Amino acid sequence: MADFITSLTLADAIGSFGALVVVAAYFATQMRMMNSDDLAFPILNLAGSILIAYSLLENFKLASMLIETFWILISLIGIVQFFRLRRTR
């Protein structure tokens, strides 16, 4: 275990933190602490996905980069949608 921890890079730490951010956002919606319609939800997903994607630049995996790219795009759409709906109200 010690060898594993010492082998972690900064990119690994950044990606792991990003994963925690995404999971925390999902957990918060499941526990009704956050609504998926809140602006915080897509922003947290965007931030977490960017951090994960950054880590994938060092340890590239095509499937993981594809899902993070889509997660980023969907989060951006959610942010735009939030402001579009807010403007029409």
Protein backbone atom coordinates (compact mmCIF):
# COMPACT_ATOMS: atom_id res chain seq x y z
CA MET A 1 0.00 0.00 0.00
CA ALA A 2 2.84 2.39 0.82
CA ASP A 3 4.38 1.77 -2.60
CA PHE A 4 1.06 2.62 -4.24
CA ILE A 5 0.71 5.88 -2.34
CA THR A 6 4.27 6.97 -3.09
CA SER A 7 3.76 6.22 -6.79
CA LEU A 8 0.83 8.64 -7.09
CA THR A 9 1.49 11.73 -9.17
CA LEU A 10 0.06 15.22 -8.92
CA ALA A 11 -2.21 14.37 -11.88
CA ASP A 12 -3.49 11.32 -9.95
CA ALA A 13 -4.28 13.51 -6.95
CA ILE A 14 -6.04 16.11 -9.10
CA GLY A 15 -8.11 13.44 -10.89
CA SER A 16 -9.00 11.76 -7.61
CA PHE A 17 -10.17 15.08 -6.17
CA GLY A 18 -12.24 15.61 -9.33
CA ALA A 19 -13.87 12.21 -8.88
CA LEU A 20 -14.72 13.13 -5.28
CA VAL A 21 -16.31 16.39 -6.47
CA VAL A 22 -18.50 14.58 -9.03
CA VAL A 23 -19.53 11.91 -6.53
CA ALA A 24 -20.23 14.52 -3.85
CA ALA A 25 -22.53 16.42 -6.23
CA TYR A 26 -24.41 13.23 -7.08
CA PHE A 27 -24.61 12.23 -3.41
CA ALA A 28 -25.93 15.69 -2.49
CA THR A 29 -28.73 15.37 -5.03
CA GLN A 30 -29.64 11.88 -3.80
CA MET A 31 -29.77 13.11 -0.20
CA ARG A 32 -31.93 16.08 -1.28
CA MET A 33 -29.23 18.48 -0.07
CA MET A 34 -28.99 19.88 -3.61
CA ASN A 35 -31.45 19.98 -6.48
CA SER A 36 -30.23 18.99 -9.93
CA ASP A 37 -31.89 22.21 -11.17
CA ASP A 38 -29.54 24.29 -9.00
CA LEU A 39 -26.63 25.99 -10.76
CA ALA A 40 -24.23 24.34 -8.29
CA PHE A 41 -24.94 20.88 -9.71
CA PRO A 42 -23.65 21.39 -13.27
CA ILE A 43 -20.82 23.61 -12.02
CA LEU A 44 -19.59 20.91 -9.63
CA ASN A 45 -19.91 18.30 -12.36
CA LEU A 46 -18.02 20.54 -14.78
CA ALA A 47 -15.24 21.23 -12.29
CA GLY A 48 -14.89 17.59 -11.31
CA SER A 49 -14.88 16.42 -14.91
CA ILE A 50 -12.25 18.97 -15.92
CA LEU A 51 -10.03 17.77 -13.08
CA ILE A 52 -10.51 14.14 -14.11
CA ALA A 53 -9.82 15.00 -17.76
CA TYR A 54 -6.64 16.79 -16.68
CA SER A 55 -5.44 13.64 -14.95
CA LEU A 56 -6.21 11.66 -18.11
CA LEU A 57 -3.75 13.80 -20.05
CA GLU A 58 -0.99 12.07 -18.08
CA ASN A 59 -2.59 8.61 -17.98
CA PHE A 60 -4.64 8.60 -21.18
CA LYS A 61 -7.51 6.15 -21.51
CA LEU A 62 -9.75 6.74 -24.53
CA ALA A 63 -12.99 5.48 -22.95
CA SER A 64 -12.47 7.58 -19.83
CA MET A 65 -11.62 10.69 -21.86
CA LEU A 66 -14.75 10.18 -23.97
CA ILE A 67 -17.03 9.99 -20.95
CA GLU A 68 -15.37 13.03 -19.35
CA THR A 69 -15.69 14.99 -22.60
CA PHE A 70 -19.40 14.22 -22.74
CA TRP A 71 -19.77 15.00 -19.01
CA ILE A 72 -18.12 18.39 -19.61
CA LEU A 73 -20.38 19.13 -22.59
CA ILE A 74 -23.52 18.08 -20.73
CA SER A 75 -22.51 20.21 -17.74
CA LEU A 76 -21.95 23.22 -20.01
CA ILE A 77 -25.38 22.66 -21.56
CA GLY A 78 -26.86 22.52 -18.05
CA ILE A 79 -25.21 25.83 -17.13
CA VAL A 80 -26.45 27.51 -20.32
CA GLN A 81 -29.92 26.07 -19.74
CA PHE A 82 -29.95 27.41 -16.17
CA PHE A 83 -29.27 30.96 -17.36
CA ARG A 84 -31.66 30.64 -20.31
CA LEU A 85 -34.52 29.57 -18.03
CA ARG A 86 -33.62 32.22 -15.47
CA ARG A 87 -33.75 34.94 -18.13
CA THR A 88 -37.21 33.88 -19.33
CA ARG A 89 -38.72 33.98 -15.82
